[in-house]
Amino acid sequence: MAEKTTKKTTAAKATATKTTAAKKTTAAKKTTAAAPRAAATATAAPRAAVRKTVVTRKRAAATVSHSAAATQSVTGWRRFRRKTKVGVVVSAKQARTVIVTVERQREHPLYKKVVRVRKRFAAHDDAGDVREGDLVRIQESRPYSATKRWRVVEVISRIGEAGAAAPRVADIERQLEESEGAAEFLAPKPDESDDETEEAKA
């Protein structure tokens, strides 16, 4: 009997140890399964934060672009850090598109001679008031078409303004004559004018 009871107790102890071992393994499995989930949730939280920041950056960029468009009339084209060039309009035949020739000088790398280099840019003319021969300032912008990457931001001078502002040749000659005192010599004498009036009457 004593042997039977000892066998039973050892069997009970063995089953108890098996159950505890099984419980430990299931707990370990749960913890190992929970660890990747926790890691995934831990990584998901920063990802969500990154997504939120990206969204807020996009919204901020959109807000900035809208506010920039609203304040462009106040601040002008100088607010943006984009390249600008000054050139002459050589063609204004297309609708809302002008061809601007920008000329610069550079030294030839071999012969060391200063050479003129011309380049043509297709620019977007939103107002549609730029004519051929105008001196304009263009600024790089978004692509308007396959060839247009610039837009007209300022008309520096019109084609006829320089000639209209220049003094006339007759005015310059008259000023020179007055400064030299030639008006006194060229003015008719009073006696001669009386003789001419008498001859005209006769």
Protein backbone atom coordinates (compact mmCIF):
# COMPACT_ATOMS: atom_id res chain seq x y z
CA MET A 1 0.00 0.00 0.00
CA ALA A 2 2.77 2.28 0.85
CA GLU A 3 4.27 1.72 -2.54
CA LYS A 4 0.96 2.47 -4.20
CA THR A 5 0.58 5.70 -2.28
CA THR A 6 4.13 6.75 -3.10
CA LYS A 7 3.56 5.93 -6.74
CA LYS A 8 0.36 7.95 -6.66
CA THR A 9 2.08 10.87 -5.01
CA THR A 10 4.95 10.75 -7.47
CA ALA A 11 2.46 10.50 -10.33
CA ALA A 12 0.51 13.43 -8.90
CA LYS A 13 3.73 15.40 -8.50
CA ALA A 14 4.72 14.56 -12.09
CA THR A 15 1.35 15.65 -13.43
CA ALA A 16 1.55 18.78 -11.31
CA THR A 17 4.98 19.56 -12.67
CA LYS A 18 3.76 18.83 -16.20
CA THR A 19 0.82 21.17 -15.77
CA THR A 20 3.02 23.88 -14.30
CA ALA A 21 5.50 23.36 -17.13
CA ALA A 22 2.65 23.51 -19.63
CA LYS A 23 1.37 26.66 -17.98
CA LYS A 24 4.84 28.17 -18.11
CA THR A 25 5.27 27.31 -21.80
CA THR A 26 1.87 28.75 -22.67
CA ALA A 27 2.69 31.87 -20.67
CA ALA A 28 6.05 32.08 -22.43
CA LYS A 29 4.34 31.65 -25.78
CA LYS A 30 1.88 34.35 -24.90
CA THR A 31 4.66 36.69 -23.87
CA THR A 32 6.67 35.93 -27.01
CA ALA A 33 3.55 36.44 -29.11
CA ALA A 34 2.75 39.62 -27.22
CA ALA A 35 6.27 40.96 -27.63
CA PRO A 36 6.03 41.43 -31.42
CA ARG A 37 2.58 42.88 -31.00
CA ALA A 38 3.90 45.34 -28.45
CA ALA A 39 6.82 46.10 -30.72
CA ALA A 40 4.43 46.55 -33.63
CA THR A 41 2.26 48.88 -31.60
CA ALA A 42 5.36 50.70 -30.40
CA THR A 43 6.51 51.17 -34.00
CA ALA A 44 3.00 51.96 -35.17
CA ALA A 45 2.72 54.86 -32.78
CA PRO A 46 5.73 56.72 -34.26
CA ARG A 47 4.53 55.89 -37.75
CA ALA A 48 1.18 57.41 -36.95
CA ALA A 49 2.99 60.41 -35.53
CA VAL A 50 5.09 60.66 -38.70
CA ARG A 51 1.98 60.42 -40.86
CA LYS A 52 0.34 63.14 -38.81
CA THR A 53 3.40 65.37 -39.20
CA VAL A 54 3.49 64.71 -42.95
CA VAL A 55 -0.15 65.62 -43.25
CA THR A 56 0.36 68.75 -41.22
CA ARG A 57 3.37 69.66 -43.36
CA LYS A 58 1.31 69.23 -46.51
CA ARG A 59 -1.45 71.33 -45.05
CA ALA A 60 1.07 73.92 -43.95
CA ALA A 61 2.62 73.95 -47.44
CA ALA A 62 -0.80 74.36 -48.99
CA THR A 63 -1.60 77.16 -46.58
CA VAL A 64 1.73 78.82 -47.34
CA SER A 65 1.14 78.55 -51.09
CA HIS A 66 -2.34 80.06 -50.73
CA SER A 67 -1.06 82.83 -48.51
CA ALA A 68 1.85 83.42 -50.91
CA ALA A 69 -0.57 83.79 -53.79
CA ALA A 70 -2.63 86.19 -51.72
CA THR A 71 0.35 88.31 -50.65
CA GLN A 72 2.18 88.22 -53.98
CA SER A 73 0.57 91.47 -55.06
CA VAL A 74 1.84 93.11 -51.88
CA THR A 75 5.38 91.72 -51.75
CA GLY A 76 5.97 91.20 -55.47
CA TRP A 77 8.14 88.63 -57.22
CA ARG A 78 11.16 89.40 -54.99
CA ARG A 79 9.64 87.35 -52.15
CA PHE A 80 10.47 84.03 -53.82
CA ARG A 81 14.00 82.65 -54.02
CA ARG A 82 13.77 81.67 -57.66
CA LYS A 83 16.08 82.48 -60.53
CA THR A 84 15.25 85.58 -62.53
CA LYS A 85 16.57 86.73 -65.89
CA VAL A 86 16.22 89.91 -67.93
CA GLY A 87 15.76 89.66 -71.66
CA VAL A 88 14.08 91.03 -74.76
CA VAL A 89 10.88 89.58 -76.18
CA VAL A 90 11.59 88.36 -79.72
CA SER A 91 8.24 86.69 -80.39
CA ALA A 92 4.75 87.21 -78.99
CA LYS A 93 2.73 85.35 -81.61
CA GLN A 94 1.39 82.57 -79.40
CA ALA A 95 -1.42 82.94 -76.91
CA ARG A 96 -0.09 83.75 -73.43
CA THR A 97 3.41 82.69 -74.46
CA VAL A 98 6.38 84.89 -75.31
CA ILE A 99 9.87 83.95 -76.41
CA VAL A 100 12.49 85.89 -74.45
CA THR A 101 16.11 86.09 -75.56
CA VAL A 102 18.56 86.46 -72.70
CA GLU A 103 22.04 87.59 -73.66
CA ARG A 104 25.15 87.23 -71.54
CA GLN A 105 28.88 87.50 -72.08
CA ARG A 106 31.42 84.85 -71.20
CA GLU A 107 35.07 84.24 -71.83
CA HIS A 108 35.95 81.52 -74.30
CA PRO A 109 37.79 78.78 -72.41
CA LEU A 110 40.52 78.31 -75.03
CA TYR A 111 40.87 81.59 -76.91
CA LYS A 112 40.05 83.86 -73.93
CA LYS A 113 37.91 86.09 -76.06
CA VAL A 114 34.71 87.53 -74.64
CA VAL A 115 31.84 85.95 -76.54
CA ARG A 116 28.16 86.84 -76.52
CA VAL A 117 25.91 83.92 -75.67
CA ARG A 118 22.19 84.11 -76.38
CA LYS A 119 19.55 81.73 -75.10
CA ARG A 120 15.82 81.68 -75.78
CA PHE A 121 13.27 80.97 -73.07
CA ALA A 122 9.56 80.34 -73.52
CA ALA A 123 7.79 82.30 -70.79
CA HIS A 124 4.16 82.40 -69.68
CA ASP A 125 2.48 85.80 -70.07
CA ASP A 126 -0.64 85.63 -67.92
CA ALA A 127 -1.77 89.20 -68.57
CA GLY A 128 -1.22 88.95 -72.32
CA ASP A 129 -0.01 92.55 -72.68
CA VAL A 130 3.65 91.87 -73.53
CA ARG A 131 4.63 92.79 -77.09
CA GLU A 132 7.61 92.02 -79.26
CA GLY A 133 10.58 94.23 -78.42
CA ASP A 134 9.71 94.75 -74.74
CA LEU A 135 12.36 94.38 -72.07
CA VAL A 136 11.01 91.97 -69.44
CA ARG A 137 12.05 90.13 -66.33
CA ILE A 138 11.23 86.41 -66.20
CA GLN A 139 11.24 84.06 -63.22
CA GLU A 140 11.42 80.29 -63.08
CA SER A 141 8.14 78.63 -62.15
CA ARG A 142 6.13 75.45 -62.39
CA PRO A 143 5.91 73.74 -65.78
CA TYR A 144 3.16 75.35 -67.85
CA SER A 145 3.77 73.08 -70.85
CA ALA A 146 6.44 70.87 -72.38
CA THR A 147 8.72 73.85 -73.05
CA LYS A 148 7.48 76.58 -70.68
CA ARG A 149 9.23 76.72 -67.31
CA TRP A 150 9.36 80.51 -66.88
CA ARG A 151 6.85 83.30 -66.44
CA VAL A 152 6.90 87.06 -66.99
CA VAL A 153 6.92 88.89 -63.67
CA GLU A 154 7.73 92.44 -64.75
CA VAL A 155 7.81 94.57 -67.88
CA ILE A 156 10.83 96.80 -67.42
CA SER A 157 10.28 98.95 -70.52
CA ARG A 158 8.04 98.91 -73.55
CA ILE A 159 9.32 99.04 -77.09
CA GLY A 160 8.32 102.67 -77.70
CA GLU A 161 9.02 104.13 -74.27
CA ALA A 162 12.74 104.72 -74.78
CA GLY A 163 12.15 106.67 -77.98
CA ALA A 164 9.29 108.65 -76.48
CA ALA A 165 11.37 109.65 -73.47
CA ALA A 166 14.37 110.71 -75.58
CA PRO A 167 14.62 114.45 -76.35
CA ARG A 168 14.00 115.56 -79.92
CA VAL A 169 16.84 116.74 -82.16
CA ALA A 170 15.19 120.13 -82.76
CA ASP A 171 14.91 120.76 -79.03
CA ILE A 172 18.59 119.93 -78.52
CA GLU A 173 19.65 122.26 -81.34
CA ARG A 174 17.54 125.10 -79.93
CA GLN A 175 19.06 124.62 -76.47
CA LEU A 176 22.57 124.66 -77.93
CA GLU A 177 21.84 127.84 -79.87
CA GLU A 178 20.47 129.53 -76.76
CA SER A 179 23.46 128.49 -74.66
CA GLU A 180 25.93 129.78 -77.29
CA GLY A 181 24.05 133.05 -77.81
CA ALA A 182 23.21 132.34 -81.44
CA ALA A 183 19.66 133.59 -80.96
CA GLU A 184 20.92 137.20 -80.91
CA PHE A 185 22.66 136.81 -84.29
CA LEU A 186 19.83 134.91 -85.93
CA ALA A 187 17.05 137.22 -84.73
CA PRO A 188 15.94 139.65 -87.45
CA LYS A 189 16.83 143.33 -86.93
CA PRO A 190 13.93 145.76 -86.38
CA ASP A 191 14.81 147.80 -89.52
CA GLU A 192 14.81 144.72 -91.71
CA SER A 193 11.46 143.62 -90.39
CA ASP A 194 9.94 147.07 -91.19
CA ASP A 195 11.30 146.92 -94.74
CA GLU A 196 9.90 143.43 -95.21
CA THR A 197 6.45 144.49 -94.01
CA GLU A 198 6.44 147.50 -96.36
CA GLU A 199 7.42 145.30 -99.30
CA ALA A 200 4.69 142.86 -98.41
CA LYS A 201 2.11 145.66 -98.39
CA ALA A 202 3.25 146.95 -101.77
